[in-house]
């Protein structure tokens, strides 16, 4: 797939967008961990092929799916420093005569004892838990012969014994990621802004440690569009809302589908977030009117149903629609300047989580102090600080900024 490129809008150049972008930055998978994840799943494949006879020459593809494949990985549900990363293991001919539970069990057996790590067989995957709180979910698949590239089935079996509920579930994660990429072209200003942001953060982390020699920083993995940033924020909001709710939450792949469907390249971050949320609300409302549950299919493979396990009933989807309406209302009030700074911070903490927002505010304060020291900080005519996460910051909410003297700093919160 050839990904097109357009200019886009730097999310750090507008006051509310900058706050949202900083929150997204605080929940993203760091580029250094992305590189570590790639190394790890490559090492897992080599381990399976080299030490387990049944997998020797039987792994046709080993590739990322889901959030990792579309650059949208965020910290785990209910935590701020754990990351679930999804890998597809497309298996060969030897596995075609096996039942779902057999395949999952063989994969589990092949990984037990791997580097002394905890390995757990799940309903559709096998998870490796690393000491640094990274989790690799490895999902075995079988390719459908004579179909689009990597159209497959994945295994579904709860175990511990085979059941009539065990099945092979249609899937084309690879094709979906291609579809998403085509609908969300790289926005150069977004990519460059986050590349600088990660390079600055990693540079400060290295130089802060006196025992570590400074080395060149290579940031190869960053979010490339405001649509994907908005998707990350939406996923975080869902995670916070469902942290203490029983049962399943709306699936990430469904949210990714709606993000791709609603994508309007060149939009601001807040516009993208509102557009996706309102799109989902509209789809849920249409289903509810028919007294039906939401039905979402993979746009490249109709048999791959993204809503096969959620929602279970109309009430579940209506509850999520109510959540989204609250999010939309809050973002619109923030954009319209209807929240005092303290109220805005309290709302952000409720919506995205206290620790994440505190981290984001702290980052913005550090950037403001650094800019103040360097004389690059700006103020609106109403006296509000323009917190810079890029070399220069402007706002569409207040009047145009004026250059500030380098010696003044106002407080420990954004205004």
Protein backbone atom coordinates (compact mmCIF):
# COMPACT_ATOMS: atom_id res chain seq x y z
CA UNK A 1 0.00 0.00 0.00
CA UNK A 2 1.33 3.44 -0.97
CA UNK A 3 0.32 5.93 1.69
CA UNK A 4 -0.46 9.41 0.42
CA UNK A 5 0.74 12.48 2.31
CA UNK A 6 -0.82 15.86 2.96
CA UNK A 7 0.05 18.84 5.13
CA UNK A 8 -2.57 18.49 7.86
CA UNK A 9 -2.87 20.60 11.02
CA UNK A 10 -0.28 20.57 13.80
CA UNK A 11 -2.36 19.61 16.87
CA UNK A 12 -0.10 21.63 19.18
CA UNK A 13 -0.97 24.95 17.55
CA UNK A 14 -4.45 25.36 19.05
CA UNK A 15 -5.15 25.63 22.77
CA UNK A 16 -7.70 22.82 23.14
CA UNK A 17 -6.05 20.66 20.49
CA UNK A 18 -2.74 21.08 22.32
CA UNK A 19 -4.26 19.86 25.58
CA UNK A 20 -5.84 16.86 23.85
CA UNK A 21 -2.61 16.14 21.95
CA UNK A 22 -0.60 16.19 25.17
CA UNK A 23 -3.04 13.72 26.73
CA UNK A 24 -2.71 11.49 23.66
CA UNK A 25 1.07 11.75 23.95
CA UNK A 26 0.85 10.63 27.58
CA UNK A 27 -0.97 7.39 26.72
CA UNK A 28 0.88 6.41 23.55
CA UNK A 29 3.22 3.48 23.14
CA UNK A 30 6.67 5.13 23.17
CA UNK A 31 8.70 4.61 19.97
CA UNK A 32 11.39 2.86 22.00
CA UNK A 33 8.84 0.31 23.26
CA UNK A 34 7.47 -0.13 19.74
CA UNK A 35 10.96 -1.10 18.62
CA UNK A 36 11.23 -3.47 21.57
CA UNK A 37 7.86 -5.01 20.66
CA UNK A 38 8.99 -5.65 17.09
CA UNK A 39 12.17 -7.30 18.38
CA UNK A 40 10.15 -9.42 20.78
CA UNK A 41 7.61 -10.79 18.36
CA UNK A 42 10.43 -11.56 15.92
CA UNK A 43 12.22 -13.44 18.72
CA UNK A 44 9.02 -15.35 19.57
CA UNK A 45 8.65 -16.52 15.99
CA UNK A 46 12.28 -17.70 15.87
CA UNK A 47 11.80 -19.50 19.19
CA UNK A 48 8.72 -21.36 17.95
CA UNK A 49 10.36 -22.39 14.69
CA UNK A 50 13.68 -23.37 16.25
CA UNK A 51 12.65 -25.17 19.43
CA UNK A 52 9.20 -26.63 18.68
CA UNK A 53 9.11 -29.25 15.94
CA UNK A 54 5.42 -28.78 15.15
CA UNK A 55 6.01 -25.11 14.23
CA UNK A 56 9.18 -25.70 12.19
CA UNK A 57 8.53 -24.32 8.68
CA UNK A 58 4.85 -23.97 9.58
CA UNK A 59 4.63 -20.23 10.31
CA UNK A 60 3.68 -18.56 7.05
CA UNK A 61 3.30 -15.03 8.41
CA UNK A 62 3.88 -13.38 11.78
CA UNK A 63 2.50 -9.85 11.66
CA UNK A 64 0.95 -7.15 13.85
CA UNK A 65 -2.79 -6.59 13.86
CA UNK A 66 -5.13 -4.14 15.51
CA UNK A 67 -3.84 -0.98 17.16
CA UNK A 68 -0.19 -1.82 16.68
CA UNK A 69 -0.68 -2.17 12.93
CA UNK A 70 -2.38 1.23 12.56
CA UNK A 71 -0.16 3.17 15.01
CA UNK A 72 -2.96 3.54 17.58
CA UNK A 73 -1.65 1.57 20.58
CA UNK A 74 -2.35 3.13 23.99
CA UNK A 75 -1.83 2.07 27.59
CA UNK A 76 -3.94 -0.79 28.84
CA UNK A 77 -7.43 -0.76 30.33
CA UNK A 78 -7.31 0.58 33.87
CA UNK A 79 -3.54 1.26 33.80
CA UNK A 80 -1.17 3.87 32.48
CA UNK A 81 2.00 1.86 31.89
CA UNK A 82 0.90 -1.48 30.37
CA UNK A 83 0.50 -2.19 26.67
CA UNK A 84 -1.32 -5.04 24.91
CA UNK A 85 0.17 -5.74 21.49
CA UNK A 86 -1.55 -8.08 19.04
CA UNK A 87 0.23 -10.45 16.67
CA UNK A 88 -1.22 -12.85 14.10
CA UNK A 89 0.58 -16.16 13.59
CA UNK A 90 -0.59 -17.53 10.25
CA UNK A 91 0.04 -21.27 10.42
CA UNK A 92 0.66 -23.83 7.70
CA UNK A 93 -0.79 -27.05 6.35
CA UNK A 94 0.01 -29.19 9.38
CA UNK A 95 -2.57 -27.31 11.48
CA UNK A 96 -5.50 -27.49 9.05
CA UNK A 97 -6.78 -30.80 10.37
CA UNK A 98 -6.70 -29.61 14.00
CA UNK A 99 -9.60 -28.25 16.02
CA UNK A 100 -9.48 -24.71 17.51
CA UNK A 101 -8.61 -25.83 21.04
CA UNK A 102 -5.86 -28.11 19.74
CA UNK A 103 -4.22 -25.25 17.86
CA UNK A 104 -4.40 -22.87 20.81
CA UNK A 105 -3.03 -25.58 23.10
CA UNK A 106 -0.12 -26.33 20.76
CA UNK A 107 0.77 -22.65 20.65
CA UNK A 108 0.58 -22.47 24.43
CA UNK A 109 2.81 -25.56 24.78
CA UNK A 110 5.31 -24.05 22.35
CA UNK A 111 5.62 -20.89 24.45
CA UNK A 112 5.51 -22.24 28.02
CA UNK A 113 8.89 -21.67 29.61
CA UNK A 114 9.87 -19.06 27.03
CA UNK A 115 12.54 -16.96 28.78
CA UNK A 116 10.87 -17.73 32.12
CA UNK A 117 7.90 -15.51 31.26
CA UNK A 118 4.27 -16.09 32.18
CA UNK A 119 2.27 -17.60 29.30
CA UNK A 120 -1.53 -17.81 29.39
CA UNK A 121 -3.90 -19.37 26.87
CA UNK A 122 -6.92 -17.14 26.24
CA UNK A 123 -10.11 -17.77 24.26
CA UNK A 124 -8.61 -16.61 20.95
CA UNK A 125 -4.92 -16.08 21.61
CA UNK A 126 -1.96 -16.94 23.81
CA UNK A 127 -0.52 -14.09 25.88
CA UNK A 128 3.09 -13.60 26.91
CA UNK A 129 3.53 -11.29 29.92
CA UNK A 130 6.85 -9.43 30.08
CA UNK A 131 8.37 -8.01 33.27
CA UNK A 132 8.07 -4.44 31.98
CA UNK A 133 4.27 -4.89 31.70
CA UNK A 134 4.19 -5.37 27.95
CA UNK A 135 1.85 -8.15 26.82
CA UNK A 136 2.07 -9.93 23.46
CA UNK A 137 -1.22 -11.51 22.37
CA UNK A 138 -0.43 -14.09 19.68
CA UNK A 139 -3.49 -15.20 17.72
CA UNK A 140 -3.12 -18.31 15.51
CA UNK A 141 -4.82 -18.18 12.12
CA UNK A 142 -5.29 -20.36 9.04
CA UNK A 143 -5.33 -18.74 5.61
CA UNK A 144 -8.37 -19.20 3.38
CA UNK A 145 -7.04 -20.60 0.11
CA UNK A 146 -7.83 -18.69 -3.06
CA UNK A 147 -8.97 -15.49 -1.32
CA UNK A 148 -7.68 -11.98 -0.76
CA UNK A 149 -4.28 -11.80 0.87
CA UNK A 150 -4.33 -13.08 4.46
CA UNK A 151 -8.10 -13.60 4.63
CA UNK A 152 -8.20 -16.23 7.35
CA UNK A 153 -9.93 -17.86 10.25
CA UNK A 154 -8.85 -17.52 13.87
CA UNK A 155 -9.51 -19.97 16.69
CA UNK A 156 -12.18 -19.53 19.36
CA UNK A 157 -12.16 -22.03 22.24
CA UNK A 158 -12.54 -21.35 25.96
CA UNK A 159 -11.25 -24.73 27.10
CA UNK A 160 -10.04 -26.49 29.09
CA UNK A 161 -11.97 -29.15 27.13
CA UNK A 162 -13.30 -29.06 23.60
CA UNK A 163 -16.86 -27.75 23.31
CA UNK A 164 -19.61 -27.39 20.74
CA UNK A 165 -19.07 -23.64 21.11
CA UNK A 166 -15.54 -23.91 19.73
CA UNK A 167 -15.29 -22.45 16.26
CA UNK A 168 -13.11 -20.93 13.58
CA UNK A 169 -13.95 -17.24 13.22
CA UNK A 170 -13.56 -15.37 9.89
CA UNK A 171 -10.92 -12.64 9.98
CA UNK A 172 -8.96 -10.31 7.73
CA UNK A 173 -7.03 -8.01 10.05
CA UNK A 174 -4.41 -7.36 7.40
CA UNK A 175 -6.94 -6.15 4.83
CA UNK A 176 -8.63 -3.93 7.41
CA UNK A 177 -5.35 -2.23 8.27
CA UNK A 178 -4.77 -1.56 4.57
CA UNK A 179 -8.25 -0.02 4.36
CA UNK A 180 -7.63 2.15 7.41
CA UNK A 181 -4.31 3.36 6.05
CA UNK A 182 -5.88 4.38 2.75
CA UNK A 183 -8.53 6.46 4.55
CA UNK A 184 -6.06 8.14 6.92
CA UNK A 185 -3.18 9.52 4.85
CA UNK A 186 -0.08 10.74 6.64
CA UNK A 187 -0.53 14.33 7.78
CA UNK A 188 2.98 15.70 7.64
CA UNK A 189 2.56 18.38 10.30
CA UNK A 190 1.09 15.85 12.75
CA UNK A 191 3.90 13.40 12.10
CA UNK A 192 6.60 16.04 12.46
CA UNK A 193 5.09 17.52 15.63
CA UNK A 194 4.95 14.15 17.41
CA UNK A 195 8.36 13.13 16.10
CA UNK A 196 9.83 16.27 17.69
CA UNK A 197 7.83 15.65 20.84
CA UNK A 198 9.11 12.11 21.25
CA UNK A 199 12.68 13.06 20.35
CA UNK A 200 12.66 15.83 22.98
CA UNK A 201 11.20 13.50 25.62
CA UNK A 202 13.68 10.71 24.91
CA UNK A 203 16.57 13.17 24.77
CA UNK A 204 15.67 14.55 28.21
CA UNK A 205 15.25 11.03 29.60
CA UNK A 206 18.73 10.07 28.40
CA UNK A 207 20.54 13.21 29.50
CA UNK A 208 18.83 13.10 32.92
CA UNK A 209 20.67 9.84 33.68
CA UNK A 210 24.31 10.60 34.43
CA UNK A 211 25.27 6.94 34.07
CA UNK A 212 24.00 6.65 30.51
CA UNK A 213 26.04 7.89 27.58
CA UNK A 214 24.10 10.06 25.20
CA UNK A 215 23.34 8.26 21.94
CA UNK A 216 21.63 9.39 18.74
CA UNK A 217 17.85 9.10 19.03
CA UNK A 218 15.97 7.49 16.17
CA UNK A 219 12.23 8.00 16.34
CA UNK A 220 10.72 5.88 13.58
CA UNK A 221 7.29 5.18 15.01
CA UNK A 222 4.87 8.02 15.72
CA UNK A 223 1.21 8.75 15.08
CA UNK A 224 0.71 10.10 11.58
CA UNK A 225 -2.76 11.69 11.52
CA UNK A 226 -5.19 13.60 13.70
CA UNK A 227 -7.75 10.86 13.02
CA UNK A 228 -5.52 8.32 14.76
CA UNK A 229 -4.82 10.71 17.62
CA UNK A 230 -8.57 11.14 18.03
CA UNK A 231 -8.98 7.36 17.97
CA UNK A 232 -6.42 7.04 20.77
CA UNK A 233 -8.30 9.58 22.87
CA UNK A 234 -11.60 7.82 22.21
CA UNK A 235 -10.12 4.47 23.26
CA UNK A 236 -8.72 6.04 26.42
CA UNK A 237 -12.11 7.55 27.24
CA UNK A 238 -13.74 4.14 26.74
CA UNK A 239 -11.11 2.51 28.98
CA UNK A 240 -11.77 4.97 31.79
CA UNK A 241 -15.55 4.65 31.47
CA UNK A 242 -15.43 0.85 31.53
CA UNK A 243 -12.69 0.39 34.12
CA UNK A 244 -15.19 -0.54 36.83
CA UNK A 245 -18.04 -1.83 34.68
CA UNK A 246 -18.65 -5.56 34.44
CA UNK A 247 -18.56 -7.35 31.11
CA UNK A 248 -17.07 -6.45 27.77
CA UNK A 249 -16.43 -2.96 26.51
CA UNK A 250 -16.84 -1.69 22.93
CA UNK A 251 -14.10 -3.39 20.87
CA UNK A 252 -11.12 -1.37 19.68
CA UNK A 253 -11.44 -2.67 16.13
CA UNK A 254 -14.99 -1.32 15.95
CA UNK A 255 -13.79 2.10 17.11
CA UNK A 256 -10.99 1.95 14.54
CA UNK A 257 -13.52 1.16 11.82
CA UNK A 258 -15.64 4.18 12.70
CA UNK A 259 -12.51 6.35 12.87
CA UNK A 260 -11.61 5.28 9.35
CA UNK A 261 -15.17 5.72 8.15
CA UNK A 262 -15.47 9.22 9.66
CA UNK A 263 -11.96 10.30 8.66
CA UNK A 264 -11.71 13.71 7.05
CA UNK A 265 -7.99 14.30 6.39
CA UNK A 266 -6.88 17.81 7.21
CA UNK A 267 -9.23 18.23 10.19
CA UNK A 268 -8.07 19.52 13.56
CA UNK A 269 -7.73 17.05 16.44
CA UNK A 270 -10.88 18.25 18.23
CA UNK A 271 -12.84 18.19 14.95
CA UNK A 272 -11.70 14.61 14.30
CA UNK A 273 -12.66 13.49 17.81
CA UNK A 274 -16.10 15.06 17.58
CA UNK A 275 -16.70 13.67 14.10
CA UNK A 276 -15.90 10.08 15.12
CA UNK A 277 -17.93 10.26 18.33
CA UNK A 278 -20.97 11.73 16.57
CA UNK A 279 -20.72 9.15 13.79
CA UNK A 280 -20.84 6.30 16.33
CA UNK A 281 -23.74 7.93 18.18
CA UNK A 282 -25.66 8.13 14.90
CA UNK A 283 -25.01 4.47 14.05
CA UNK A 284 -26.07 3.33 17.52
CA UNK A 285 -29.22 5.46 17.39
CA UNK A 286 -30.19 3.93 14.05
CA UNK A 287 -29.76 0.41 15.43
CA UNK A 288 -31.66 1.25 18.61
CA UNK A 289 -34.60 2.66 16.62
CA UNK A 290 -34.89 -0.78 14.98
CA UNK A 291 -34.53 -2.42 18.42
CA UNK A 292 -31.44 -4.12 17.00
CA UNK A 293 -27.89 -4.40 18.24
CA UNK A 294 -25.13 -2.61 16.35
CA UNK A 295 -23.72 -4.71 13.52
CA UNK A 296 -20.31 -3.73 12.14
CA UNK A 297 -18.48 -5.72 9.47
CA UNK A 298 -14.90 -5.57 8.25
CA UNK A 299 -15.16 -3.34 5.15
CA UNK A 300 -12.94 -5.73 3.18
CA UNK A 301 -14.53 -8.99 4.40
CA UNK A 302 -18.19 -9.04 5.43
CA UNK A 303 -17.92 -12.37 7.29
CA UNK A 304 -15.46 -10.75 9.72
CA UNK A 305 -17.91 -9.15 12.18
CA UNK A 306 -16.35 -6.66 14.57
CA UNK A 307 -19.37 -6.67 16.90
CA UNK A 308 -19.66 -10.43 17.35
CA UNK A 309 -19.15 -10.19 21.12
CA UNK A 310 -20.32 -6.64 21.87
CA UNK A 311 -22.97 -5.32 22.27
CA UNK A 312 -24.94 -8.18 23.77
CA UNK A 313 -28.12 -6.11 23.94
CA UNK A 314 -29.55 -2.69 23.07
CA UNK A 315 -28.98 -1.32 26.57
CA UNK A 316 -25.23 -1.89 26.31
CA UNK A 317 -24.95 0.16 23.15
CA UNK A 318 -27.25 2.89 24.51
CA UNK A 319 -25.02 3.25 27.55
CA UNK A 320 -21.99 3.77 25.30
CA UNK A 321 -23.93 6.30 23.22
CA UNK A 322 -24.68 8.22 26.44
CA UNK A 323 -20.99 8.17 27.26
CA UNK A 324 -20.16 9.58 23.84
CA UNK A 325 -22.77 12.32 24.17
CA UNK A 326 -21.14 13.42 27.43
CA UNK A 327 -17.75 13.50 25.70
CA UNK A 328 -19.10 15.54 22.79
CA UNK A 329 -20.79 18.00 25.14
CA UNK A 330 -17.57 18.51 27.10
CA UNK A 331 -15.34 18.98 24.06
CA UNK A 332 -17.76 21.46 22.52
CA UNK A 333 -17.93 23.47 25.75
CA UNK A 334 -14.13 23.54 25.90
CA UNK A 335 -13.90 24.71 22.29
CA UNK A 336 -16.47 27.45 22.95
CA UNK A 337 -14.53 28.71 25.98
CA UNK A 338 -17.39 27.81 28.34
CA UNK A 339 -15.16 26.18 30.98
CA UNK A 340 -12.94 27.96 33.47
CA UNK A 341 -9.37 26.54 33.55
CA UNK A 342 -9.96 24.72 36.85
CA UNK A 343 -13.25 23.28 35.60
CA UNK A 344 -11.60 22.19 32.37
CA UNK A 345 -8.85 20.36 34.25
CA UNK A 346 -11.35 18.63 36.52
CA UNK A 347 -13.41 17.55 33.50
CA UNK A 348 -10.33 16.25 31.67
CA UNK A 349 -9.33 14.20 34.72
CA UNK A 350 -12.81 12.69 34.91
CA UNK A 351 -12.81 11.89 31.19
CA UNK A 352 -9.26 10.65 30.61
CA UNK A 353 -8.07 9.68 34.09
CA UNK A 354 -6.32 11.61 36.84
CA UNK A 355 -2.80 10.26 36.38
CA UNK A 356 -2.77 10.69 32.63
CA UNK A 357 -4.06 14.27 32.76
CA UNK A 358 -1.69 15.16 35.60
CA UNK A 359 1.18 13.80 33.51
CA UNK A 360 -0.01 15.80 30.51
CA UNK A 361 -0.32 19.00 32.55
CA UNK A 362 3.13 18.44 34.04
CA UNK A 363 4.55 18.02 30.55
CA UNK A 364 2.89 21.23 29.42
CA UNK A 365 4.21 23.09 32.45
CA UNK A 366 7.75 21.89 31.72
CA UNK A 367 7.42 23.00 28.12
CA UNK A 368 6.12 26.39 29.28
CA UNK A 369 9.01 26.85 31.69
CA UNK A 370 11.50 25.86 29.04
CA UNK A 371 9.92 28.24 26.56
CA UNK A 372 9.87 31.02 29.17
CA UNK A 373 13.57 30.50 29.84
CA UNK A 374 14.27 30.66 26.12
CA UNK A 375 11.98 33.64 25.54
CA UNK A 376 9.69 31.80 23.13
CA UNK A 377 6.57 31.74 25.29
CA UNK A 378 3.46 33.62 24.15
CA UNK A 379 0.49 35.15 25.94
CA UNK A 380 -2.94 36.03 24.72
CA UNK A 381 -4.22 39.56 25.13
CA UNK A 382 -6.39 38.22 27.96
CA UNK A 383 -3.28 37.11 29.81
CA UNK A 384 -3.53 33.36 29.26
CA UNK A 385 -0.36 31.38 28.70
CA UNK A 386 -0.11 29.60 25.36
CA UNK A 387 1.54 26.36 26.38
CA UNK A 388 3.99 25.46 23.61
CA UNK A 389 4.62 21.86 22.66
CA UNK A 390 5.92 23.06 19.33
CA UNK A 391 8.37 25.90 18.60
CA UNK A 392 5.57 28.45 18.31
CA UNK A 393 2.03 28.22 19.56
CA UNK A 394 -1.06 30.05 18.37
CA UNK A 395 -4.66 29.68 19.36
CA UNK A 396 -7.92 29.96 17.53
CA UNK A 397 -9.86 30.47 20.74
CA UNK A 398 -8.27 33.63 22.04
CA UNK A 399 -6.78 36.61 20.27
CA UNK A 400 -3.45 36.29 18.44
CA UNK A 401 -0.50 35.86 20.78
CA UNK A 402 2.09 38.50 21.50
CA UNK A 403 5.76 37.80 22.26
CA UNK A 404 6.48 37.52 25.98
CA UNK A 405 9.57 38.45 27.91
CA UNK A 406 11.61 35.41 29.03
CA UNK A 407 11.52 36.05 32.77
CA UNK A 408 7.87 35.66 33.70
CA UNK A 409 6.05 32.41 34.47
CA UNK A 410 2.48 32.09 35.65
CA UNK A 411 1.74 29.21 37.95
CA UNK A 412 1.67 25.45 37.66
CA UNK A 413 -1.35 24.93 35.44
CA UNK A 414 -2.42 25.81 31.96
CA UNK A 415 -4.77 28.78 31.69
